[in-house]
Protein backbone atom coordinates (compact mmCIF):
# COMPACT_ATOMS: atom_id res chain seq x y z
CA MET A 1 34.52 4.06 -24.90
CA PRO A 2 36.51 7.41 -24.89
CA SER A 3 39.42 7.50 -21.97
CA THR A 4 38.03 10.69 -20.85
CA GLU A 5 34.90 9.18 -19.55
CA ASP A 6 34.20 6.21 -16.87
CA ASP A 7 32.77 2.70 -17.22
CA TYR A 8 29.27 1.90 -15.23
CA SER A 9 29.00 -1.09 -17.72
CA THR A 10 29.19 -3.47 -14.48
CA TYR A 11 27.03 -0.80 -12.66
CA LEU A 12 24.16 -0.99 -15.34
CA ALA A 13 24.73 -4.82 -15.45
CA TYR A 14 23.88 -4.88 -11.75
CA ASN A 15 21.16 -3.00 -11.63
CA THR A 16 19.99 -4.73 -15.00
CA TRP A 17 19.55 -7.73 -12.86
CA VAL A 18 18.63 -6.52 -10.30
CA TYR A 19 15.66 -5.48 -11.90
CA GLN A 20 15.00 -8.64 -13.25
CA ILE A 21 14.78 -10.33 -10.10
CA VAL A 22 11.79 -7.64 -9.02
CA ALA A 23 10.58 -8.94 -11.59
CA LEU A 24 10.05 -12.28 -11.28
CA PHE A 25 9.06 -12.32 -7.50
CA SER A 26 6.12 -9.75 -8.96
CA GLY A 27 5.27 -12.47 -11.06
CA PHE A 28 5.49 -14.68 -8.54
CA THR A 29 3.61 -12.63 -5.81
CA PHE A 30 0.35 -12.20 -8.47
CA THR A 31 0.55 -15.81 -8.68
CA ALA A 32 0.59 -16.45 -5.03
CA ILE A 33 -2.65 -14.17 -4.73
CA THR A 34 -4.49 -15.44 -7.74
CA ILE A 35 -3.61 -19.36 -6.39
CA LEU A 36 -4.51 -18.08 -3.07
CA LEU A 37 -7.95 -16.72 -4.05
CA THR A 38 -8.55 -19.99 -5.99
CA LEU A 39 -7.97 -22.25 -3.35
CA LEU A 40 -8.93 -21.23 -0.20
CA PRO A 41 -11.76 -22.76 0.91
CA ASP A 42 -13.45 -19.14 2.47
CA PRO A 43 -11.40 -16.45 1.21
CA SER A 44 -13.94 -14.12 3.13
CA GLN A 45 -12.36 -14.90 6.74
CA ILE A 46 -10.13 -12.12 7.96
CA HIS A 47 -6.50 -14.11 8.56
CA SER A 48 -7.69 -14.72 4.40
CA GLN A 49 -7.68 -11.00 4.02
CA VAL A 50 -4.70 -10.05 6.33
CA ILE A 51 -2.44 -12.55 4.00
CA LEU A 52 -4.03 -11.44 0.48
CA PHE A 53 -3.07 -7.37 1.87
CA PHE A 54 -0.01 -8.36 2.96
CA LEU A 55 0.42 -10.01 -0.97
CA ALA A 56 -1.08 -6.99 -2.60
CA SER A 57 1.21 -4.57 -0.84
CA ILE A 58 4.25 -6.36 -1.57
CA PHE A 59 3.39 -6.44 -5.26
CA ASP A 60 2.78 -2.78 -5.10
CA LEU A 61 6.46 -2.43 -4.19
CA PHE A 62 7.37 -4.70 -6.27
CA GLN A 63 5.72 -3.02 -8.84
CA PHE A 64 7.02 0.67 -7.52
CA ASP A 65 10.60 -0.82 -7.92
CA LEU A 66 9.87 -2.22 -10.99
CA PHE A 67 8.62 1.35 -12.64
CA TYR A 68 11.26 2.95 -11.32
CA GLY A 69 13.96 0.41 -12.28
CA ILE A 70 12.70 0.61 -16.01
CA TYR A 71 12.84 4.95 -15.38
CA TYR A 72 16.26 4.78 -14.11
CA LEU A 73 17.73 2.43 -16.69
CA GLY A 74 16.30 4.89 -19.16
CA TYR A 75 18.15 7.73 -17.81
CA CYS A 76 21.27 5.92 -18.11
CA VAL A 77 20.25 5.70 -22.35
CA ARG A 78 22.49 8.05 -23.67
CA LYS A 79 22.36 7.81 -27.44
CA ALA A 80 19.19 6.46 -29.13
CA PRO A 81 18.32 5.21 -32.91
CA PRO A 82 16.48 7.62 -35.03
CA GLU A 83 13.69 5.37 -35.18
CA ALA A 84 13.77 4.94 -31.36
CA ARG A 85 12.57 8.81 -31.10
CA GLY A 86 9.06 7.83 -33.20
CA ARG A 87 8.11 5.07 -30.49
CA ARG A 88 7.88 7.52 -27.69
CA THR A 89 4.13 6.27 -27.78
CA LEU A 90 4.42 2.67 -27.80
CA MET A 91 6.78 3.44 -24.48
CA LEU A 92 3.83 5.84 -22.71
CA LEU A 93 1.23 2.84 -23.40
CA MET A 94 3.40 0.19 -22.42
CA LEU A 95 4.05 2.31 -19.04
CA LEU A 96 0.98 2.68 -19.00
CA SER A 97 -0.65 -0.72 -19.10
CA PHE A 98 2.74 -1.71 -16.96
CA SER A 99 0.90 1.07 -14.14
CA LEU A 100 -2.52 -0.75 -14.84
CA TRP A 101 -1.20 -4.25 -13.59
CA GLY A 102 -2.23 -3.05 -9.99
CA LEU A 103 -5.26 -2.78 -10.83
CA ALA A 104 -6.11 -5.93 -12.07
CA ILE A 105 -5.06 -7.79 -8.53
CA VAL A 106 -7.89 -4.80 -6.98
CA LEU A 107 -10.19 -6.30 -9.26
CA MET A 108 -10.05 -10.04 -8.74
CA PHE A 109 -10.53 -8.59 -4.96
CA PHE A 110 -13.99 -7.37 -5.95
CA LEU A 111 -14.96 -10.51 -8.01
CA TRP A 112 -14.13 -12.30 -5.41
CA ASN A 113 -16.70 -10.27 -3.33
CA LEU A 114 -14.56 -9.26 -0.83
CA MET A 115 -14.48 -5.75 -1.26
CA TYR A 116 -13.42 -4.52 2.40
CA LEU A 117 -10.24 -6.21 1.10
CA ALA A 118 -10.66 -4.63 -2.18
CA LEU A 119 -11.05 -1.13 -1.20
CA ALA A 120 -7.74 -0.91 0.91
CA SER A 121 -5.72 -2.52 -1.62
CA GLY A 122 -7.10 0.04 -3.88
CA THR A 123 -6.11 2.76 -1.57
CA LEU A 124 -3.05 1.32 -1.26
CA TYR A 125 -2.75 0.51 -5.17
CA ALA A 126 -3.39 4.61 -5.77
CA SER A 127 -1.37 5.90 -2.87
CA PHE A 128 1.57 4.06 -4.87
CA THR A 129 0.29 5.11 -8.30
CA ILE A 130 0.64 9.12 -6.80
CA LEU A 131 3.77 7.80 -5.24
CA ALA A 132 5.33 6.74 -9.04
CA TYR A 133 3.63 10.16 -10.32
CA ILE A 134 5.43 12.58 -7.68
CA PHE A 135 8.75 10.70 -7.65
CA ILE A 136 9.60 8.87 -11.79
CA TRP A 137 6.62 10.46 -13.78
CA LYS A 138 7.42 14.11 -12.93
CA PRO A 139 11.24 13.75 -12.97
CA GLY A 140 11.07 11.93 -16.33
CA ILE A 141 9.11 14.39 -17.94
CA GLU A 142 11.30 16.89 -16.57
CA TYR A 143 14.60 15.38 -17.08
CA SER A 144 12.97 14.37 -21.24
CA LYS A 145 12.29 18.50 -21.04
CA ARG A 146 15.76 19.24 -19.66
CA LEU A 147 17.39 17.17 -22.68
CA ARG A 148 14.83 18.30 -25.60
CA SER A 149 15.56 21.77 -24.32
CA GLN A 150 19.80 21.65 -24.80
CA LYS A 151 19.50 20.82 -28.08
């Protein structure tokens, strides 16, 4: 690394570690929702649905944070090998499948016939998806267009 550039490797390593922890918590939250749905004697009771909605909202928050982390750490990559440029479609499909992961919780609530909980968590999921588009996708697309126009 030239001496004129700042070394941000520890900062990137820290952010990578933080997003690994958030991914772990996201997985635990998804698992907790699944276990609670299958083990609760009556998940249609109001206090059960409040707890499930709270967990679903935390999951959506973790997912938004992870989505931001994927894009943020992607900004930090200065050079990529030539074969990585052809994998843009694969990356977009991976991000699309990752963003649809939150829809699985809504569908699980529909599967257990918890209609109001499914509608509330679906609305929350839609709002986080809109926020992800506004704060993550759109700036990412504009940034990549700027990079391509500079070449």
